Protein backbone atom coordinates (compact mmCIF):
# COMPACT_ATOMS: atom_id res chain seq x y z
CA MET A 1 10.37 12.38 -16.25
CA LEU A 2 7.30 10.30 -15.36
CA GLN A 3 9.15 7.17 -16.25
CA ASP A 4 11.95 8.15 -13.73
CA LEU A 5 9.33 8.78 -11.09
CA LEU A 6 7.58 5.51 -11.77
CA LEU A 7 10.95 3.56 -11.33
CA LEU A 8 11.55 5.42 -8.30
CA LEU A 9 8.38 4.89 -6.76
CA LYS A 10 9.05 1.02 -7.74
CA ILE A 11 12.06 1.05 -5.66
CA THR A 12 10.68 2.94 -2.57
CA LYS A 13 7.80 0.62 -2.66
CA ARG A 14 10.33 -2.45 -2.50
CA ILE A 15 12.17 -0.53 0.17
CA TYR A 16 9.07 -0.06 2.23
CA PHE A 17 8.13 -3.78 1.96
CA ALA A 18 11.52 -5.00 2.94
CA HIS A 19 11.65 -2.44 5.73
CA LYS A 20 8.10 -3.55 6.74
CA LYS A 21 8.95 -7.09 6.97
CA ARG A 22 11.80 -6.14 8.99
CA LYS A 23 13.99 -8.53 6.83
CA VAL A 24 16.45 -5.87 6.44
CA SER A 25 17.14 -2.42 7.94
CA SER A 26 16.13 0.59 6.00
CA ASP A 27 19.96 1.48 5.01
CA LYS A 28 20.27 -1.82 3.61
CA ALA A 29 16.93 -2.50 1.88
CA ILE A 30 18.25 -1.38 -1.55
CA ILE A 31 20.41 -4.43 -1.62
CA CYS A 32 17.32 -6.74 -1.55
CA LEU A 33 15.58 -4.99 -4.60
CA GLY A 34 16.52 -7.79 -6.80
CA ASN A 35 14.73 -10.29 -4.80
CA VAL A 36 11.38 -8.56 -5.09
CA GLN A 37 9.63 -10.25 -8.07
CA SER A 38 7.13 -7.34 -9.49
CA MET A 39 5.25 -4.45 -8.53
CA ASP A 40 1.60 -4.42 -8.20
CA GLU A 41 0.07 -3.01 -11.21
CA LYS A 42 -2.84 -1.07 -9.42
CA PHE A 43 -0.14 0.44 -7.28
CA GLU A 44 1.70 1.67 -10.29
CA GLU A 45 -1.41 2.99 -11.89
CA VAL A 46 -2.40 5.02 -8.56
CA VAL A 47 1.10 6.28 -8.28
CA GLY A 48 0.90 7.81 -11.99
CA ARG A 49 -2.41 9.24 -11.22
CA TYR A 50 -0.81 11.07 -8.14
CA LEU A 51 2.02 12.30 -10.13
CA GLU A 52 -0.15 13.43 -13.01
CA LYS A 53 -2.22 15.48 -10.47
CA ALA A 54 0.95 16.80 -8.93
CA ILE A 55 2.18 18.03 -12.42
CA GLU A 56 -1.12 19.48 -13.17
CA VAL A 57 -1.21 21.40 -9.83
CA GLU A 58 2.45 22.39 -10.56
CA THR A 59 1.60 23.94 -13.99
CA GLU A 60 -1.27 25.86 -12.13
CA THR A 61 0.98 27.27 -9.17
CA SER A 62 4.41 26.38 -8.70
CA MET A 63 6.49 23.13 -7.77
CA SER A 64 6.69 24.45 -4.25
CA GLN A 65 2.94 24.71 -3.93
CA ALA A 66 2.43 21.33 -5.51
CA SER A 67 4.90 19.99 -3.25
CA SER A 68 3.68 21.28 -0.16
CA SER A 69 0.14 20.78 -0.83
CA MET A 70 0.63 17.15 -1.61
CA LEU A 71 2.69 16.66 1.45
CA PHE A 72 -0.08 18.25 3.62
CA ALA A 73 -2.73 16.15 2.09
CA THR A 74 -0.61 13.02 2.57
CA ALA A 75 0.09 13.98 6.24
CA CYS A 76 -3.93 14.34 6.64
CA TYR A 77 -4.74 11.09 4.98
CA ASN A 78 -1.95 9.29 6.85
CA ALA A 79 -3.01 10.82 10.26
CA GLN A 80 -6.41 9.17 9.84
CA ASN A 81 -4.77 5.82 8.73
CA ILE A 82 -2.43 5.85 11.76
CA LEU A 83 -5.45 6.62 14.10
CA ASP A 84 -7.50 3.98 12.72
CA LYS A 85 -4.96 1.28 13.28
CA SER A 86 -3.38 2.64 16.40
CA SER A 87 -4.22 2.32 20.26
CA PRO A 88 -2.97 4.92 22.58
CA ASN A 89 -0.13 2.29 23.47
CA ASN A 90 1.34 2.18 19.95
CA LEU A 91 0.52 5.65 18.53
CA GLU A 92 3.94 7.19 18.71
CA ALA A 93 5.47 4.17 17.24
CA ASN A 94 2.99 4.16 14.30
CA ILE A 95 3.97 7.94 13.51
CA THR A 96 7.65 7.16 13.96
CA GLU A 97 7.30 4.20 11.33
CA TYR A 98 5.50 6.66 8.80
CA ILE A 99 8.18 9.30 9.47
CA GLU A 100 11.11 6.78 9.00
CA MET A 101 9.38 5.50 5.75
CA TYR A 102 9.18 9.01 4.25
CA GLU A 103 12.65 9.87 5.23
CA ASP A 104 13.78 6.70 3.67
CA MET A 105 11.87 7.27 0.35
CA LEU A 106 13.11 11.08 0.27
CA ARG A 107 16.64 10.08 0.82
CA ASN A 108 16.42 7.38 -1.77
CA SER A 109 14.85 9.51 -4.33
CA ILE A 110 17.51 12.23 -3.67
CA GLU A 111 20.28 9.81 -4.23
CA HIS A 112 18.48 8.68 -7.37
CA TYR A 113 18.08 12.11 -8.81
CA SER A 114 21.50 13.20 -7.89
CA SER A 115 23.08 10.36 -9.84
CA LYS A 116 21.58 11.20 -13.06
């Protein structure tokens, strides 16, 4: 299961960078996955640590508790990131960008796990 999650995160990272560079639209980003060379090893390591922590929390509570607490923590962290990089003129655009990235990653993850 962890290997599946890591593969999925590799895919979402590639989609994120393709979308971020605006070379492709979000819905067509998957087509470009073959053009991305490799994933940063540190990124993969950090993702693995987050996933391990989520699994640990799930064993102590429940999957829904682990999911909602991780989602809330991510929102808190990203709020600070958005505020640090935004001006009043582009705050809404940056919020929208994060929401779109999350939606893309979530939909691609659902598609990935539905096809198994």
